[in-house]
C-alpha atoms as a PDB file:
ATOM      1  CA  MET A   1     -26.306 -38.563  22.564  1.00  0.00           C
ATOM      2  CA  VAL A   2     -25.140 -38.603  18.941  1.00  0.00           C
ATOM      3  CA  LEU A   3     -26.314 -41.548  16.867  1.00  0.00           C
ATOM      4  CA  VAL A   4     -24.273 -40.957  13.746  1.00  0.00           C
ATOM      5  CA  GLY A   5     -21.264 -42.444  12.014  1.00  0.00           C
ATOM      6  CA  ASN A   6     -22.288 -45.978  11.027  1.00  0.00           C
ATOM      7  CA  PHE A   7     -24.177 -45.410   7.791  1.00  0.00           C
ATOM      8  CA  ARG A   8     -23.243 -48.832   6.361  1.00  0.00           C
ATOM      9  CA  GLU A   9     -25.295 -50.413   9.143  1.00  0.00           C
ATOM     10  CA  LEU A  10     -28.398 -48.374   8.337  1.00  0.00           C
ATOM     11  CA  ARG A  11     -31.010 -50.413   6.484  1.00  0.00           C
ATOM     12  CA  VAL A  12     -32.111 -47.324   4.608  1.00  0.00           C
ATOM     13  CA  TRP A  13     -28.571 -46.836   3.241  1.00  0.00           C
ATOM     14  CA  GLN A  14     -28.281 -50.513   2.307  1.00  0.00           C
ATOM     15  CA  ARG A  15     -31.603 -50.415   0.490  1.00  0.00           C
ATOM     16  CA  SER A  16     -30.766 -47.143  -1.268  1.00  0.00           C
ATOM     17  CA  LYS A  17     -27.468 -48.646  -2.448  1.00  0.00           C
ATOM     18  CA  ASP A  18     -29.383 -51.662  -3.765  1.00  0.00           C
ATOM     19  CA  LEU A  19     -31.804 -49.265  -5.470  1.00  0.00           C
ATOM     20  CA  ALA A  20     -28.910 -47.480  -7.207  1.00  0.00           C
ATOM     21  CA  VAL A  21     -27.537 -50.798  -8.492  1.00  0.00           C
ATOM     22  CA  PHE A  22     -31.021 -51.775  -9.686  1.00  0.00           C
ATOM     23  CA  ILE A  23     -31.508 -48.417 -11.423  1.00  0.00           C
ATOM     24  CA  TYR A  24     -28.221 -48.814 -13.278  1.00  0.00           C
ATOM     25  CA  SER A  25     -29.185 -52.301 -14.442  1.00  0.00           C
ATOM     26  CA  VAL A  26     -32.671 -51.259 -15.582  1.00  0.00           C
ATOM     27  CA  THR A  27     -31.507 -48.120 -17.383  1.00  0.00           C
ATOM     28  CA  GLY A  28     -28.696 -49.900 -19.205  1.00  0.00           C
ATOM     29  CA  ASP A  29     -30.790 -50.973 -22.161  1.00  0.00           C
ATOM     30  CA  GLY A  30     -34.055 -50.525 -23.983  1.00  0.00           C
ATOM     31  CA  ALA A  31     -35.731 -47.147 -24.246  1.00  0.00           C
ATOM     32  CA  PHE A  32     -33.351 -45.621 -21.722  1.00  0.00           C
ATOM     33  CA  LEU A  33     -30.503 -45.906 -24.227  1.00  0.00           C
ATOM     34  CA  LYS A  34     -32.305 -43.409 -26.450  1.00  0.00           C
ATOM     35  CA  ASP A  35     -33.264 -40.914 -23.745  1.00  0.00           C
ATOM     36  CA  PHE A  36     -29.953 -39.843 -22.255  1.00  0.00           C
ATOM     37  CA  GLY A  37     -31.485 -37.042 -20.206  1.00  0.00           C
ATOM     38  CA  LEU A  38     -33.991 -39.227 -18.404  1.00  0.00           C
ATOM     39  CA  ARG A  39     -31.491 -42.064 -17.936  1.00  0.00           C
ATOM     40  CA  ASP A  40     -28.826 -39.780 -16.489  1.00  0.00           C
ATOM     41  CA  GLN A  41     -31.283 -37.950 -14.206  1.00  0.00           C
ATOM     42  CA  ILE A  42     -32.648 -41.182 -12.766  1.00  0.00           C
ATOM     43  CA  ARG A  43     -29.138 -42.607 -12.305  1.00  0.00           C
ATOM     44  CA  ARG A  44     -27.885 -39.476 -10.566  1.00  0.00           C
ATOM     45  CA  ALA A  45     -30.907 -39.496  -8.270  1.00  0.00           C
ATOM     46  CA  GLY A  46     -30.343 -43.138  -7.377  1.00  0.00           C
ATOM     47  CA  VAL A  47     -26.715 -42.566  -6.432  1.00  0.00           C
ATOM     48  CA  SER A  48     -27.504 -39.297  -4.680  1.00  0.00           C
ATOM     49  CA  ILE A  49     -29.932 -40.938  -2.258  1.00  0.00           C
ATOM     50  CA  ALA A  50     -27.289 -43.259  -0.796  1.00  0.00           C
ATOM     51  CA  SER A  51     -24.661 -40.499  -0.914  1.00  0.00           C
ATOM     52  CA  ASN A  52     -26.797 -38.053   1.056  1.00  0.00           C
ATOM     53  CA  ILE A  53     -27.615 -40.671   3.680  1.00  0.00           C
ATOM     54  CA  ALA A  54     -23.913 -41.497   4.065  1.00  0.00           C
ATOM     55  CA  GLU A  55     -22.878 -37.841   4.196  1.00  0.00           C
ATOM     56  CA  GLY A  56     -25.547 -36.959   6.734  1.00  0.00           C
ATOM     57  CA  ASP A  57     -24.639 -39.884   8.940  1.00  0.00           C
ATOM     58  CA  GLU A  58     -20.968 -38.883   8.972  1.00  0.00           C
ATOM     59  CA  LEU A  59     -21.668 -35.332  10.202  1.00  0.00           C
ATOM     60  CA  ASN A  60     -21.266 -34.289  13.803  1.00  0.00           C
ATOM     61  CA  THR A  61     -24.839 -33.958  15.013  1.00  0.00           C
ATOM     62  CA  ASN A  62     -28.200 -35.630  14.680  1.00  0.00           C
ATOM     63  CA  LYS A  63     -29.650 -32.330  13.465  1.00  0.00           C
ATOM     64  CA  GLN A  64     -27.236 -32.245  10.523  1.00  0.00           C
ATOM     65  CA  ALA A  65     -27.858 -35.924   9.820  1.00  0.00           C
ATOM     66  CA  VAL A  66     -31.623 -35.438   9.732  1.00  0.00           C
ATOM     67  CA  HIS A  67     -31.158 -32.504   7.341  1.00  0.00           C
ATOM     68  CA  PHE A  68     -29.291 -34.729   4.859  1.00  0.00           C
ATOM     69  CA  PHE A  69     -31.820 -37.532   5.321  1.00  0.00           C
ATOM     70  CA  PHE A  70     -34.540 -35.110   4.237  1.00  0.00           C
ATOM     71  CA  ILE A  71     -32.426 -34.150   1.225  1.00  0.00           C
ATOM     72  CA  ALA A  72     -32.172 -37.842   0.328  1.00  0.00           C
ATOM     73  CA  LYS A  73     -35.950 -38.139   0.613  1.00  0.00           C
ATOM     74  CA  GLY A  74     -36.391 -35.160  -1.714  1.00  0.00           C
ATOM     75  CA  VAL A  75     -33.959 -36.645  -4.229  1.00  0.00           C
ATOM     76  CA  TYR A  76     -35.970 -39.864  -4.210  1.00  0.00           C
ATOM     77  CA  CYS A  77     -39.142 -37.948  -5.027  1.00  0.00           C
ATOM     78  CA  ARG A  78     -37.382 -35.952  -7.740  1.00  0.00           C
ATOM     79  CA  GLY A  79     -36.057 -39.132  -9.350  1.00  0.00           C
ATOM     80  CA  ALA A  80     -39.427 -40.814  -9.159  1.00  0.00           C
ATOM     81  CA  TYR A  81     -41.076 -37.896 -10.974  1.00  0.00           C
ATOM     82  CA  PRO A  82     -38.583 -36.321 -13.423  1.00  0.00           C
ATOM     83  CA  SER A  83     -39.534 -32.724 -14.168  1.00  0.00           C
ATOM     84  CA  ASN A  84     -38.917 -32.947 -17.907  1.00  0.00           C
ATOM     85  CA  TYR A  85     -41.774 -35.466 -18.204  1.00  0.00           C
ATOM     86  CA  PHE A  86     -44.441 -33.126 -16.906  1.00  0.00           C
ATOM     87  CA  PRO A  87     -46.181 -30.964 -19.496  1.00  0.00           C
END
């Protein structure tokens, strides 16, 4: 049984979309205006999470969907800990 194709109904997609909107609002002013690299990396990560969940859910099999869900999880971790801020 394939349980894919309704990503808009997934709570994880809804919350990741909300996270992307929040990230854009938070990074729109203050110190983020001066650090384009960090701002852009965090914004791309925020959008990528929801995009990967949607793409995975629209594929033909659960195995493919799970693969993209793990990618989304990795993107979340990458955005939470940007590499250019580690010495």
